[in-house]
C-alpha atoms as a PDB file:
ATOM      1  CA  UNK A   1     -10.526 -13.247  51.277  1.00  0.00           C
ATOM      2  CA  UNK A   2     -11.650 -11.806  48.536  1.00  0.00           C
ATOM      3  CA  UNK A   3      -8.867 -11.787  45.908  1.00  0.00           C
ATOM      4  CA  UNK A   4      -7.459  -8.551  43.602  1.00  0.00           C
ATOM      5  CA  UNK A   5      -9.727  -9.112  40.166  1.00  0.00           C
ATOM      6  CA  UNK A   6     -12.962  -8.923  42.318  1.00  0.00           C
ATOM      7  CA  UNK A   7     -12.202  -5.882  43.276  1.00  0.00           C
ATOM      8  CA  UNK A   8     -10.887  -4.577  39.903  1.00  0.00           C
ATOM      9  CA  UNK A   9     -14.659  -6.106  38.410  1.00  0.00           C
ATOM     10  CA  UNK A  10     -16.553  -3.634  40.958  1.00  0.00           C
ATOM     11  CA  UNK A  11     -14.297  -0.286  40.507  1.00  0.00           C
ATOM     12  CA  UNK A  12     -15.451   2.175  37.330  1.00  0.00           C
ATOM     13  CA  UNK A  13     -12.929   2.436  35.005  1.00  0.00           C
ATOM     14  CA  UNK A  14     -11.590   5.738  33.107  1.00  0.00           C
ATOM     15  CA  UNK A  15      -8.518   6.011  29.998  1.00  0.00           C
ATOM     16  CA  UNK A  16      -8.337   9.393  30.562  1.00  0.00           C
ATOM     17  CA  UNK A  17      -5.833  11.353  26.938  1.00  0.00           C
ATOM     18  CA  UNK A  18      -2.933  13.333  28.942  1.00  0.00           C
ATOM     19  CA  UNK A  19       0.265  15.036  27.176  1.00  0.00           C
ATOM     20  CA  UNK A  20       3.291  13.950  28.843  1.00  0.00           C
ATOM     21  CA  UNK A  21       3.817  16.672  31.050  1.00  0.00           C
ATOM     22  CA  UNK A  22       0.560  17.133  32.734  1.00  0.00           C
ATOM     23  CA  UNK A  23       0.604  13.773  34.130  1.00  0.00           C
ATOM     24  CA  UNK A  24       1.329  15.379  37.522  1.00  0.00           C
ATOM     25  CA  UNK A  25      -1.124  17.906  37.801  1.00  0.00           C
ATOM     26  CA  UNK A  26      -3.735  14.656  36.777  1.00  0.00           C
ATOM     27  CA  UNK A  27      -2.992  12.829  39.222  1.00  0.00           C
ATOM     28  CA  UNK A  28      -2.589  15.690  41.812  1.00  0.00           C
ATOM     29  CA  UNK A  29      -6.162  16.599  40.757  1.00  0.00           C
ATOM     30  CA  UNK A  30      -7.746  12.986  40.797  1.00  0.00           C
ATOM     31  CA  UNK A  31      -5.727  12.747  44.838  1.00  0.00           C
ATOM     32  CA  UNK A  32      -7.739  15.723  45.964  1.00  0.00           C
ATOM     33  CA  UNK A  33     -10.636  14.306  44.753  1.00  0.00           C
ATOM     34  CA  UNK A  34     -10.618  11.431  45.607  1.00  0.00           C
ATOM     35  CA  UNK A  35      -9.125  10.486  49.147  1.00  0.00           C
ATOM     36  CA  UNK A  36      -7.121   7.880  49.808  1.00  0.00           C
ATOM     37  CA  UNK A  37      -5.237   7.263  46.532  1.00  0.00           C
ATOM     38  CA  UNK A  38      -2.621   4.380  45.315  1.00  0.00           C
ATOM     39  CA  UNK A  39      -0.377   5.816  42.446  1.00  0.00           C
ATOM     40  CA  UNK A  40       1.153   2.962  39.890  1.00  0.00           C
ATOM     41  CA  UNK A  41       4.843   4.075  38.549  1.00  0.00           C
ATOM     42  CA  UNK A  42       6.522   1.469  35.954  1.00  0.00           C
ATOM     43  CA  UNK A  43       9.800   2.534  37.860  1.00  0.00           C
ATOM     44  CA  UNK A  44      11.226   3.150  41.738  1.00  0.00           C
ATOM     45  CA  UNK A  45      13.134   6.821  40.497  1.00  0.00           C
ATOM     46  CA  UNK A  46       9.550   7.496  38.825  1.00  0.00           C
ATOM     47  CA  UNK A  47       8.260   6.908  42.169  1.00  0.00           C
ATOM     48  CA  UNK A  48      10.237   9.061  44.198  1.00  0.00           C
ATOM     49  CA  UNK A  49      10.064  11.076  41.352  1.00  0.00           C
ATOM     50  CA  UNK A  50       7.127  11.636  42.000  1.00  0.00           C
ATOM     51  CA  UNK A  51       6.137  11.833  45.211  1.00  0.00           C
ATOM     52  CA  UNK A  52       8.805  14.736  45.908  1.00  0.00           C
ATOM     53  CA  UNK A  53       6.813  16.766  42.617  1.00  0.00           C
ATOM     54  CA  UNK A  54       3.329  15.838  43.934  1.00  0.00           C
ATOM     55  CA  UNK A  55       4.691  17.464  47.584  1.00  0.00           C
ATOM     56  CA  UNK A  56       6.013  20.169  45.654  1.00  0.00           C
ATOM     57  CA  UNK A  57       2.212  21.184  45.297  1.00  0.00           C
ATOM     58  CA  UNK A  58       1.801  20.434  48.338  1.00  0.00           C
ATOM     59  CA  UNK A  59       0.000  17.364  48.600  1.00  0.00           C
ATOM     60  CA  UNK A  60       1.775  14.854  50.747  1.00  0.00           C
ATOM     61  CA  UNK A  61       2.454  11.101  49.929  1.00  0.00           C
ATOM     62  CA  UNK A  62       4.439   8.407  50.227  1.00  0.00           C
ATOM     63  CA  UNK A  63       6.542   5.868  48.361  1.00  0.00           C
ATOM     64  CA  UNK A  64       7.294   2.195  48.201  1.00  0.00           C
ATOM     65  CA  UNK A  65       9.374   0.333  46.278  1.00  0.00           C
ATOM     66  CA  UNK A  66      12.012  -2.101  46.036  1.00  0.00           C
ATOM     67  CA  UNK A  67      14.760   0.251  47.052  1.00  0.00           C
ATOM     68  CA  UNK A  68      13.661   1.050  50.380  1.00  0.00           C
ATOM     69  CA  UNK A  69      14.065  -1.121  53.492  1.00  0.00           C
ATOM     70  CA  UNK A  70      11.256  -3.061  55.158  1.00  0.00           C
ATOM     71  CA  UNK A  71      10.815  -0.308  57.881  1.00  0.00           C
ATOM     72  CA  UNK A  72      10.769   2.334  55.174  1.00  0.00           C
ATOM     73  CA  UNK A  73       7.811   0.664  53.628  1.00  0.00           C
ATOM     74  CA  UNK A  74       6.364  -0.406  56.758  1.00  0.00           C
ATOM     75  CA  UNK A  75       6.032   3.388  58.171  1.00  0.00           C
ATOM     76  CA  UNK A  76       4.710   4.621  55.055  1.00  0.00           C
ATOM     77  CA  UNK A  77       2.357   1.693  54.307  1.00  0.00           C
ATOM     78  CA  UNK A  78       1.298   3.026  58.398  1.00  0.00           C
ATOM     79  CA  UNK A  79       0.894   7.331  57.320  1.00  0.00           C
ATOM     80  CA  UNK A  80      -1.052   6.242  54.094  1.00  0.00           C
ATOM     81  CA  UNK A  81      -3.146   3.417  55.999  1.00  0.00           C
ATOM     82  CA  UNK A  82      -3.605   5.739  59.046  1.00  0.00           C
ATOM     83  CA  UNK A  83      -4.012   9.136  56.825  1.00  0.00           C
ATOM     84  CA  UNK A  84      -1.325  10.883  57.468  1.00  0.00           C
ATOM     85  CA  UNK A  85      -0.362  10.810  53.498  1.00  0.00           C
ATOM     86  CA  UNK A  86      -2.843  11.268  50.473  1.00  0.00           C
ATOM     87  CA  UNK A  87      -1.593   8.720  48.184  1.00  0.00           C
ATOM     88  CA  UNK A  88       1.175   5.641  48.202  1.00  0.00           C
ATOM     89  CA  UNK A  89       3.352   5.951  44.966  1.00  0.00           C
ATOM     90  CA  UNK A  90       4.455   1.953  44.513  1.00  0.00           C
ATOM     91  CA  UNK A  91       5.795   0.542  42.133  1.00  0.00           C
ATOM     92  CA  UNK A  92       4.020  -3.362  40.958  1.00  0.00           C
ATOM     93  CA  UNK A  93       6.250  -5.478  42.953  1.00  0.00           C
ATOM     94  CA  UNK A  94       6.692  -3.459  46.259  1.00  0.00           C
ATOM     95  CA  UNK A  95       2.650  -3.239  46.175  1.00  0.00           C
ATOM     96  CA  UNK A  96       2.233  -7.721  46.136  1.00  0.00           C
ATOM     97  CA  UNK A  97       1.373  -8.406  49.277  1.00  0.00           C
ATOM     98  CA  UNK A  98      -0.565  -4.888  50.817  1.00  0.00           C
ATOM     99  CA  UNK A  99      -3.828  -4.265  52.148  1.00  0.00           C
ATOM    100  CA  UNK A 100      -5.375  -1.297  52.547  1.00  0.00           C
ATOM    101  CA  UNK A 101      -8.467  -0.607  53.358  1.00  0.00           C
ATOM    102  CA  UNK A 102     -11.089   2.516  51.849  1.00  0.00           C
ATOM    103  CA  UNK A 103      -8.897   3.260  49.200  1.00  0.00           C
ATOM    104  CA  UNK A 104     -10.906   5.815  46.949  1.00  0.00           C
ATOM    105  CA  UNK A 105      -8.758   5.527  43.764  1.00  0.00           C
ATOM    106  CA  UNK A 106      -6.580   3.960  41.503  1.00  0.00           C
ATOM    107  CA  UNK A 107      -4.364   6.392  39.449  1.00  0.00           C
ATOM    108  CA  UNK A 108      -2.043   4.501  36.798  1.00  0.00           C
ATOM    109  CA  UNK A 109       0.860   6.903  36.161  1.00  0.00           C
ATOM    110  CA  UNK A 110       2.418   4.354  33.735  1.00  0.00           C
ATOM    111  CA  UNK A 111       0.435   2.123  32.029  1.00  0.00           C
ATOM    112  CA  UNK A 112       0.865  -0.996  32.990  1.00  0.00           C
ATOM    113  CA  UNK A 113       3.244  -4.330  31.855  1.00  0.00           C
ATOM    114  CA  UNK A 114      -0.153  -6.346  31.178  1.00  0.00           C
ATOM    115  CA  UNK A 115      -3.772  -6.856  31.669  1.00  0.00           C
ATOM    116  CA  UNK A 116      -2.532  -9.038  34.616  1.00  0.00           C
ATOM    117  CA  UNK A 117      -0.994  -6.474  36.553  1.00  0.00           C
ATOM    118  CA  UNK A 118      -3.526  -4.150  35.106  1.00  0.00           C
ATOM    119  CA  UNK A 119      -5.729  -6.475  37.378  1.00  0.00           C
ATOM    120  CA  UNK A 120      -3.999  -6.837  40.563  1.00  0.00           C
ATOM    121  CA  UNK A 121      -3.090  -3.029  40.619  1.00  0.00           C
ATOM    122  CA  UNK A 122      -6.931  -2.133  39.890  1.00  0.00           C
ATOM    123  CA  UNK A 123      -7.955  -4.459  42.698  1.00  0.00           C
ATOM    124  CA  UNK A 124      -7.077  -1.956  45.300  1.00  0.00           C
ATOM    125  CA  UNK A 125     -10.165  -0.038  45.498  1.00  0.00           C
ATOM    126  CA  UNK A 126     -13.374  -1.108  45.299  1.00  0.00           C
ATOM    127  CA  UNK A 127     -13.036  -3.956  47.735  1.00  0.00           C
ATOM    128  CA  UNK A 128     -15.414  -4.883  50.374  1.00  0.00           C
ATOM    129  CA  UNK A 129     -18.273  -3.698  49.017  1.00  0.00           C
ATOM    130  CA  UNK A 130     -16.568  -0.180  48.495  1.00  0.00           C
ATOM    131  CA  UNK A 131     -17.119   2.187  45.323  1.00  0.00           C
ATOM    132  CA  UNK A 132     -13.561   2.884  43.652  1.00  0.00           C
ATOM    133  CA  UNK A 133     -12.419   4.554  40.248  1.00  0.00           C
ATOM    134  CA  UNK A 134      -9.339   3.286  38.730  1.00  0.00           C
ATOM    135  CA  UNK A 135      -7.624   5.694  35.690  1.00  0.00           C
ATOM    136  CA  UNK A 136      -4.949   5.391  33.628  1.00  0.00           C
ATOM    137  CA  UNK A 137      -3.226   8.442  32.456  1.00  0.00           C
ATOM    138  CA  UNK A 138      -2.248   7.313  28.533  1.00  0.00           C
ATOM    139  CA  UNK A 139       0.368  10.124  26.865  1.00  0.00           C
ATOM    140  CA  UNK A 140      -0.452   9.600  23.018  1.00  0.00           C
ATOM    141  CA  UNK A 141       2.640   7.272  21.812  1.00  0.00           C
ATOM    142  CA  UNK A 142       1.249   4.324  24.914  1.00  0.00           C
ATOM    143  CA  UNK A 143      -1.751   4.876  23.111  1.00  0.00           C
ATOM    144  CA  UNK A 144      -1.661   1.873  20.732  1.00  0.00           C
ATOM    145  CA  UNK A 145      -0.421  -0.097  24.097  1.00  0.00           C
ATOM    146  CA  UNK A 146      -3.301   0.997  26.099  1.00  0.00           C
ATOM    147  CA  UNK A 147      -5.602  -0.256  22.986  1.00  0.00           C
ATOM    148  CA  UNK A 148      -4.161  -3.691  23.030  1.00  0.00           C
ATOM    149  CA  UNK A 149      -4.066  -4.128  26.814  1.00  0.00           C
ATOM    150  CA  UNK A 150      -7.698  -3.396  26.431  1.00  0.00           C
ATOM    151  CA  UNK A 151      -8.399  -5.660  23.944  1.00  0.00           C
ATOM    152  CA  UNK A 152      -6.746  -8.647  26.890  1.00  0.00           C
ATOM    153  CA  UNK A 153      -9.072  -7.307  29.233  1.00  0.00           C
ATOM    154  CA  UNK A 154     -11.913  -7.405  27.728  1.00  0.00           C
ATOM    155  CA  UNK A 155     -13.093  -3.970  28.286  1.00  0.00           C
ATOM    156  CA  UNK A 156     -14.793  -1.931  26.555  1.00  0.00           C
ATOM    157  CA  UNK A 157     -13.507   1.738  27.128  1.00  0.00           C
ATOM    158  CA  UNK A 158     -13.408   4.770  25.545  1.00  0.00           C
ATOM    159  CA  UNK A 159      -9.684   6.531  25.981  1.00  0.00           C
ATOM    160  CA  UNK A 160     -10.932  10.056  26.643  1.00  0.00           C
ATOM    161  CA  UNK A 161      -9.751  14.444  27.298  1.00  0.00           C
ATOM    162  CA  UNK A 162      -9.692  14.307  31.192  1.00  0.00           C
ATOM    163  CA  UNK A 163     -12.967  15.145  33.069  1.00  0.00           C
ATOM    164  CA  UNK A 164     -13.302  14.958  36.660  1.00  0.00           C
ATOM    165  CA  UNK A 165     -17.107  15.564  36.364  1.00  0.00           C
ATOM    166  CA  UNK A 166     -16.947  11.656  34.271  1.00  0.00           C
ATOM    167  CA  UNK A 167     -15.482  10.498  37.684  1.00  0.00           C
ATOM    168  CA  UNK A 168     -19.174  10.428  38.845  1.00  0.00           C
ATOM    169  CA  UNK A 169     -20.736  10.062  36.137  1.00  0.00           C
ATOM    170  CA  UNK A 170     -19.241   7.573  33.388  1.00  0.00           C
ATOM    171  CA  UNK A 171     -16.402   4.794  33.608  1.00  0.00           C
ATOM    172  CA  UNK A 172     -16.007   1.353  32.573  1.00  0.00           C
ATOM    173  CA  UNK A 173     -16.376  -1.826  34.100  1.00  0.00           C
ATOM    174  CA  UNK A 174     -15.236  -4.939  33.413  1.00  0.00           C
ATOM    175  CA  UNK A 175     -17.423  -7.746  32.266  1.00  0.00           C
ATOM    176  CA  UNK A 176     -20.258  -5.358  31.129  1.00  0.00           C
ATOM    177  CA  UNK A 177     -21.560  -5.534  28.042  1.00  0.00           C
ATOM    178  CA  UNK A 178     -21.203  -3.078  25.013  1.00  0.00           C
ATOM    179  CA  UNK A 179     -24.163  -1.018  24.229  1.00  0.00           C
ATOM    180  CA  UNK A 180     -26.738  -2.043  21.705  1.00  0.00           C
ATOM    181  CA  UNK A 181     -25.941  -0.001  18.496  1.00  0.00           C
ATOM    182  CA  UNK A 182     -28.802   0.473  15.487  1.00  0.00           C
ATOM    183  CA  UNK A 183     -26.162  -0.951  13.195  1.00  0.00           C
ATOM    184  CA  UNK A 184     -25.750  -4.259  15.451  1.00  0.00           C
ATOM    185  CA  UNK A 185     -28.237  -7.128  14.536  1.00  0.00           C
ATOM    186  CA  UNK A 186     -27.979 -11.514  16.039  1.00  0.00           C
ATOM    187  CA  UNK A 187     -26.021 -12.968  18.318  1.00  0.00           C
ATOM    188  CA  UNK A 188     -22.724 -12.756  16.363  1.00  0.00           C
ATOM    189  CA  UNK A 189     -22.090  -9.300  16.576  1.00  0.00           C
ATOM    190  CA  UNK A 190     -22.957  -9.122  20.371  1.00  0.00           C
ATOM    191  CA  UNK A 191     -20.840 -11.868  21.102  1.00  0.00           C
ATOM    192  CA  UNK A 192     -18.150 -10.153  20.057  1.00  0.00           C
ATOM    193  CA  UNK A 193     -15.644  -7.795  21.785  1.00  0.00           C
ATOM    194  CA  UNK A 194     -15.402  -4.430  19.740  1.00  0.00           C
ATOM    195  CA  UNK A 195     -12.436  -2.187  20.343  1.00  0.00           C
ATOM    196  CA  UNK A 196     -13.073   0.781  21.611  1.00  0.00           C
ATOM    197  CA  UNK A 197     -15.447   3.818  20.151  1.00  0.00           C
ATOM    198  CA  UNK A 198     -13.129   6.762  18.855  1.00  0.00           C
ATOM    199  CA  UNK A 199     -13.770   9.704  16.853  1.00  0.00           C
ATOM    200  CA  UNK A 200     -11.141   9.241  13.335  1.00  0.00           C
ATOM    201  CA  UNK A 201      -8.881  11.977  13.236  1.00  0.00           C
ATOM    202  CA  UNK A 202      -7.398  12.816  10.607  1.00  0.00           C
ATOM    203  CA  UNK A 203      -3.942  11.215   9.197  1.00  0.00           C
ATOM    204  CA  UNK A 204      -0.937  12.943   8.321  1.00  0.00           C
ATOM    205  CA  UNK A 205       0.826  11.864   5.757  1.00  0.00           C
ATOM    206  CA  UNK A 206       4.735  12.509   6.606  1.00  0.00           C
ATOM    207  CA  UNK A 207       8.118  11.352   3.894  1.00  0.00           C
ATOM    208  CA  UNK A 208      11.319  12.353   2.815  1.00  0.00           C
ATOM    209  CA  UNK A 209      12.281  11.303   6.580  1.00  0.00           C
ATOM    210  CA  UNK A 210      16.028  11.608   8.186  1.00  0.00           C
ATOM    211  CA  UNK A 211      16.253   8.147   9.152  1.00  0.00           C
ATOM    212  CA  UNK A 212      17.221   9.063  12.889  1.00  0.00           C
ATOM    213  CA  UNK A 213      13.824  10.502  13.218  1.00  0.00           C
ATOM    214  CA  UNK A 214      12.062   8.741  16.399  1.00  0.00           C
ATOM    215  CA  UNK A 215       8.549   8.595  17.016  1.00  0.00           C
ATOM    216  CA  UNK A 216       8.958  11.007  19.684  1.00  0.00           C
ATOM    217  CA  UNK A 217      10.332  13.619  17.333  1.00  0.00           C
ATOM    218  CA  UNK A 218       7.160  13.745  15.164  1.00  0.00           C
ATOM    219  CA  UNK A 219       5.273  14.364  18.752  1.00  0.00           C
ATOM    220  CA  UNK A 220       7.821  17.144  19.051  1.00  0.00           C
ATOM    221  CA  UNK A 221       7.473  18.794  15.224  1.00  0.00           C
ATOM    222  CA  UNK A 222       3.644  17.964  15.076  1.00  0.00           C
ATOM    223  CA  UNK A 223       3.361  19.253  18.743  1.00  0.00           C
ATOM    224  CA  UNK A 224       4.042  22.887  18.370  1.00  0.00           C
ATOM    225  CA  UNK A 225       0.847  23.185  16.018  1.00  0.00           C
ATOM    226  CA  UNK A 226      -1.989  21.590  18.499  1.00  0.00           C
ATOM    227  CA  UNK A 227      -2.521  18.175  20.091  1.00  0.00           C
ATOM    228  CA  UNK A 228      -1.053  14.819  18.395  1.00  0.00           C
ATOM    229  CA  UNK A 229      -2.561  11.834  18.908  1.00  0.00           C
ATOM    230  CA  UNK A 230      -0.287   9.766  18.021  1.00  0.00           C
ATOM    231  CA  UNK A 231       2.995   9.292  15.905  1.00  0.00           C
ATOM    232  CA  UNK A 232       4.215   6.070  14.011  1.00  0.00           C
ATOM    233  CA  UNK A 233       7.541   5.875  12.015  1.00  0.00           C
ATOM    234  CA  UNK A 234       6.835   3.011   9.804  1.00  0.00           C
ATOM    235  CA  UNK A 235       9.557   0.461   9.563  1.00  0.00           C
ATOM    236  CA  UNK A 236      11.037  -2.571   7.383  1.00  0.00           C
ATOM    237  CA  UNK A 237       9.116  -6.273   8.542  1.00  0.00           C
ATOM    238  CA  UNK A 238      12.690  -7.833   7.722  1.00  0.00           C
ATOM    239  CA  UNK A 239      15.026  -5.789   9.176  1.00  0.00           C
ATOM    240  CA  UNK A 240      12.936  -3.845  11.619  1.00  0.00           C
ATOM    241  CA  UNK A 241      15.115  -0.477   9.730  1.00  0.00           C
ATOM    242  CA  UNK A 242      13.414   3.243   9.586  1.00  0.00           C
ATOM    243  CA  UNK A 243      11.780   3.266   5.860  1.00  0.00           C
ATOM    244  CA  UNK A 244      11.939   7.292   5.830  1.00  0.00           C
ATOM    245  CA  UNK A 245       8.101   7.525   6.463  1.00  0.00           C
ATOM    246  CA  UNK A 246       5.543   8.212   9.017  1.00  0.00           C
ATOM    247  CA  UNK A 247       2.160   9.239   9.995  1.00  0.00           C
ATOM    248  CA  UNK A 248       0.185  11.205  12.654  1.00  0.00           C
ATOM    249  CA  UNK A 249      -2.710  11.492  13.578  1.00  0.00           C
ATOM    250  CA  UNK A 250      -4.044  15.323  14.684  1.00  0.00           C
ATOM    251  CA  UNK A 251      -7.332  16.926  15.529  1.00  0.00           C
ATOM    252  CA  UNK A 252      -8.961  18.472  12.435  1.00  0.00           C
ATOM    253  CA  UNK A 253      -8.111  21.928  12.410  1.00  0.00           C
ATOM    254  CA  UNK A 254      -4.936  21.023  13.912  1.00  0.00           C
ATOM    255  CA  UNK A 255      -3.800  18.799  11.377  1.00  0.00           C
ATOM    256  CA  UNK A 256      -4.013  21.629   8.430  1.00  0.00           C
ATOM    257  CA  UNK A 257      -2.618  23.575  10.324  1.00  0.00           C
ATOM    258  CA  UNK A 258       0.375  21.586  11.349  1.00  0.00           C
ATOM    259  CA  UNK A 259       0.625  20.918   6.942  1.00  0.00           C
ATOM    260  CA  UNK A 260       0.391  24.492   6.520  1.00  0.00           C
ATOM    261  CA  UNK A 261       3.199  25.352   8.570  1.00  0.00           C
ATOM    262  CA  UNK A 262       5.617  22.346   8.303  1.00  0.00           C
ATOM    263  CA  UNK A 263       5.099  21.102   4.278  1.00  0.00           C
ATOM    264  CA  UNK A 264       8.346  21.744   2.910  1.00  0.00           C
ATOM    265  CA  UNK A 265      10.234  21.800   5.843  1.00  0.00           C
ATOM    266  CA  UNK A 266      13.298  21.642   7.128  1.00  0.00           C
ATOM    267  CA  UNK A 267      13.768  18.549   9.500  1.00  0.00           C
ATOM    268  CA  UNK A 268      17.161  16.369  10.370  1.00  0.00           C
ATOM    269  CA  UNK A 269      18.076  18.442   6.754  1.00  0.00           C
ATOM    270  CA  UNK A 270      16.271  16.933   4.724  1.00  0.00           C
ATOM    271  CA  UNK A 271      12.453  18.753   3.379  1.00  0.00           C
ATOM    272  CA  UNK A 272      10.253  16.731   4.582  1.00  0.00           C
ATOM    273  CA  UNK A 273       6.595  16.976   2.834  1.00  0.00           C
ATOM    274  CA  UNK A 274       3.682  16.846   4.458  1.00  0.00           C
ATOM    275  CA  UNK A 275      -0.203  15.657   3.615  1.00  0.00           C
ATOM    276  CA  UNK A 276      -3.048  14.783   4.469  1.00  0.00           C
ATOM    277  CA  UNK A 277      -2.764  10.487   4.132  1.00  0.00           C
ATOM    278  CA  UNK A 278      -5.831  10.168   1.717  1.00  0.00           C
ATOM    279  CA  UNK A 279      -4.724  13.181  -0.389  1.00  0.00           C
ATOM    280  CA  UNK A 280      -3.182  12.232  -3.940  1.00  0.00           C
ATOM    281  CA  UNK A 281       0.377  13.755  -4.244  1.00  0.00           C
ATOM    282  CA  UNK A 282       0.181  16.331  -7.405  1.00  0.00           C
ATOM    283  CA  UNK A 283       1.922  15.523 -10.061  1.00  0.00           C
ATOM    284  CA  UNK A 284       3.744  18.216 -11.956  1.00  0.00           C
ATOM    285  CA  UNK A 285       3.445  18.738 -14.799  1.00  0.00           C
ATOM    286  CA  UNK A 286       5.621  18.359 -18.015  1.00  0.00           C
ATOM    287  CA  UNK A 287       6.630  21.029 -20.063  1.00  0.00           C
END
């Protein structure tokens, strides 16, 4: 019998950077393009909610998780395997032991907890010589977590903007060697697994933050002025408490617009300082 890992190694793997509220839209587009699709969520409630949201878009799907009876799960699996439902929405535990042929795609609506769960999920497609794609939807706040996942998998892949064309023309495979570069020489560099090759976005320094500020607060605040790739609150290593400043990554034009709009404004009752991280603060002149 073919193992889950064997299917995962034959699939093409894609990682899409998406906004949280766009995940349902991208999932629906992937199901429509790929046909038979298994979508993974982390929670039972998430599986039921996603199945309902897809139904509102006219797309039939069925959900299986630990909250469903065995009869409900059997009926859902039958509807999916016989094509009456285009998508099977599943949690990790409920999907174990399920074998369905000709699954065109696996969509990770929520990134997995670790690389073992990733391999198990991914192994549901590209089995028995078939082709298949695995698409992981990565929201800005999950970007660092997915970076660690890629390292654990030894998978050389970019976190890219969504592109339906990339499903047929791009993607990475487990075990692929990194593409050679002009600066790489010798066997030592070739043996190393590089971190993802991504264009470095400008980092914005934000200080005088209220102690209760969260990365999500920064995402909301800066997201009004452009696309936010990542937001981080710096904490004390010993106590774990916020230190009152953080960093936000945005494309250059969006970063400039956000700095102009937000520097000196009030957030949670405090006047915040917003500038490029590599820009030295201006000293006040003495008279």
